[in-house]
């Protein structure tokens, strides 16, 4: 009897992961503007802090995701799950900055709604 379940589960899991991309080196030009449309109090410093969390934390366990390979509507659930797995949900400032960075970076890069 063949044991195909582990391979099947691996392939199923791999199909659910977003494409990989190099980590973002800087904020994109219109990202601050997009963030301010959602929250007038967002600063460039907060977005940069979110980028640093994304670059530093997300690459610890897997490749950095291509932010445009996931629909914008799916990112909040993905981020919630990753924050729990990344064990930094108690750092609410870092989590908020990470969420703001990812959502605005994905939107600025052209991710589908």
Protein backbone atom coordinates (compact mmCIF):
# COMPACT_ATOMS: atom_id res chain seq x y z
CA UNK A 1 0.00 0.00 0.00
CA UNK A 2 1.41 3.36 -1.01
CA UNK A 3 1.68 6.16 1.49
CA UNK A 4 0.66 9.20 -0.52
CA UNK A 5 -1.11 11.22 2.17
CA UNK A 6 1.98 13.07 3.45
CA UNK A 7 2.97 14.09 -0.09
CA UNK A 8 -0.60 15.12 -0.84
CA UNK A 9 -0.79 17.21 2.34
CA UNK A 10 2.57 18.81 1.54
CA UNK A 11 1.44 19.74 -1.95
CA UNK A 12 -1.88 21.02 -0.65
CA UNK A 13 -0.08 23.23 1.87
CA UNK A 14 2.41 24.45 -0.71
CA UNK A 15 -0.41 25.45 -3.04
CA UNK A 16 -1.88 27.66 -0.31
CA UNK A 17 1.30 29.62 0.29
CA UNK A 18 1.73 32.90 -1.58
CA UNK A 19 4.51 33.24 -4.12
CA UNK A 20 7.82 34.32 -2.64
CA UNK A 21 9.43 37.67 -3.31
CA UNK A 22 12.46 39.55 -2.04
CA UNK A 23 11.76 41.50 1.15
CA UNK A 24 10.85 45.13 0.51
CA UNK A 25 13.86 47.41 0.91
CA UNK A 26 11.82 50.60 1.36
CA UNK A 27 8.32 51.99 1.43
CA UNK A 28 6.76 52.46 -1.97
CA UNK A 29 6.09 56.08 -3.01
CA UNK A 30 2.30 56.20 -2.60
CA UNK A 31 2.14 53.94 0.43
CA UNK A 32 2.03 56.77 3.00
CA UNK A 33 -0.74 58.45 1.02
CA UNK A 34 -2.78 55.22 0.91
CA UNK A 35 -2.29 54.68 4.65
CA UNK A 36 -3.39 58.24 5.45
CA UNK A 37 -6.61 57.72 3.48
CA UNK A 38 -7.47 54.90 5.88
CA UNK A 39 -6.15 56.61 9.03
CA UNK A 40 -5.08 60.25 9.00
CA UNK A 41 -2.87 59.65 12.06
CA UNK A 42 -0.59 57.08 10.39
CA UNK A 43 2.99 58.25 10.05
CA UNK A 44 5.78 57.29 7.70
CA UNK A 45 7.73 56.15 10.77
CA UNK A 46 4.95 53.69 11.70
CA UNK A 47 4.91 52.27 8.19
CA UNK A 48 8.69 51.92 8.25
CA UNK A 49 8.46 50.15 11.61
CA UNK A 50 5.88 47.78 10.08
CA UNK A 51 8.22 47.14 7.14
CA UNK A 52 11.03 46.28 9.55
CA UNK A 53 8.79 43.83 11.43
CA UNK A 54 7.72 42.27 8.12
CA UNK A 55 11.30 41.93 6.86
CA UNK A 56 12.68 40.71 10.18
CA UNK A 57 9.92 38.45 11.42
CA UNK A 58 8.29 36.93 8.33
CA UNK A 59 11.56 35.61 6.95
CA UNK A 60 12.31 33.66 10.12
CA UNK A 61 9.97 30.80 9.17
CA UNK A 62 9.39 31.09 5.42
CA UNK A 63 10.22 33.17 2.36
CA UNK A 64 8.79 36.66 2.23
CA UNK A 65 5.46 36.60 0.39
CA UNK A 66 4.80 38.47 -2.80
CA UNK A 67 2.23 40.93 -1.44
CA UNK A 68 0.35 41.02 -4.74
CA UNK A 69 -0.15 37.26 -4.89
CA UNK A 70 -2.88 37.43 -2.23
CA UNK A 71 -6.13 39.39 -2.44
CA UNK A 72 -6.30 42.40 -0.11
CA UNK A 73 -9.39 40.94 1.54
CA UNK A 74 -7.43 37.81 2.55
CA UNK A 75 -4.46 39.59 4.20
CA UNK A 76 -6.14 40.40 7.55
CA UNK A 77 -6.84 36.71 8.27
CA UNK A 78 -3.37 35.69 7.11
CA UNK A 79 -1.74 38.34 9.28
CA UNK A 80 -3.82 37.34 12.31
CA UNK A 81 -2.72 33.72 11.90
CA UNK A 82 0.93 34.64 11.36
CA UNK A 83 0.96 36.99 14.37
CA UNK A 84 -0.25 34.12 16.55
CA UNK A 85 2.37 31.76 15.11
CA UNK A 86 5.07 34.42 15.34
CA UNK A 87 4.43 34.82 19.06
CA UNK A 88 4.31 38.60 19.14
CA UNK A 89 0.58 39.21 19.49
CA UNK A 90 1.21 40.93 22.84
CA UNK A 91 3.19 43.68 21.11
CA UNK A 92 0.09 45.50 19.86
CA UNK A 93 2.06 48.43 18.43
CA UNK A 94 4.24 46.15 16.26
CA UNK A 95 1.19 44.17 15.15
CA UNK A 96 -0.71 47.34 14.18
CA UNK A 97 2.31 48.69 12.29
CA UNK A 98 2.82 45.34 10.53
CA UNK A 99 -0.83 45.20 9.47
CA UNK A 100 -0.79 48.77 8.19
CA UNK A 101 2.43 48.17 6.28
CA UNK A 102 1.31 44.93 4.62
CA UNK A 103 -2.13 46.17 3.63
CA UNK A 104 -0.88 49.43 2.17
CA UNK A 105 2.16 47.86 0.50
CA UNK A 106 -0.05 45.23 -1.12
CA UNK A 107 -2.53 47.86 -2.28
CA UNK A 108 0.23 50.14 -3.59
CA UNK A 109 1.74 47.21 -5.49
CA UNK A 110 -1.57 46.44 -7.17
CA UNK A 111 -2.97 43.49 -5.22
CA UNK A 112 -6.53 42.62 -6.18
CA UNK A 113 -9.31 43.57 -3.73
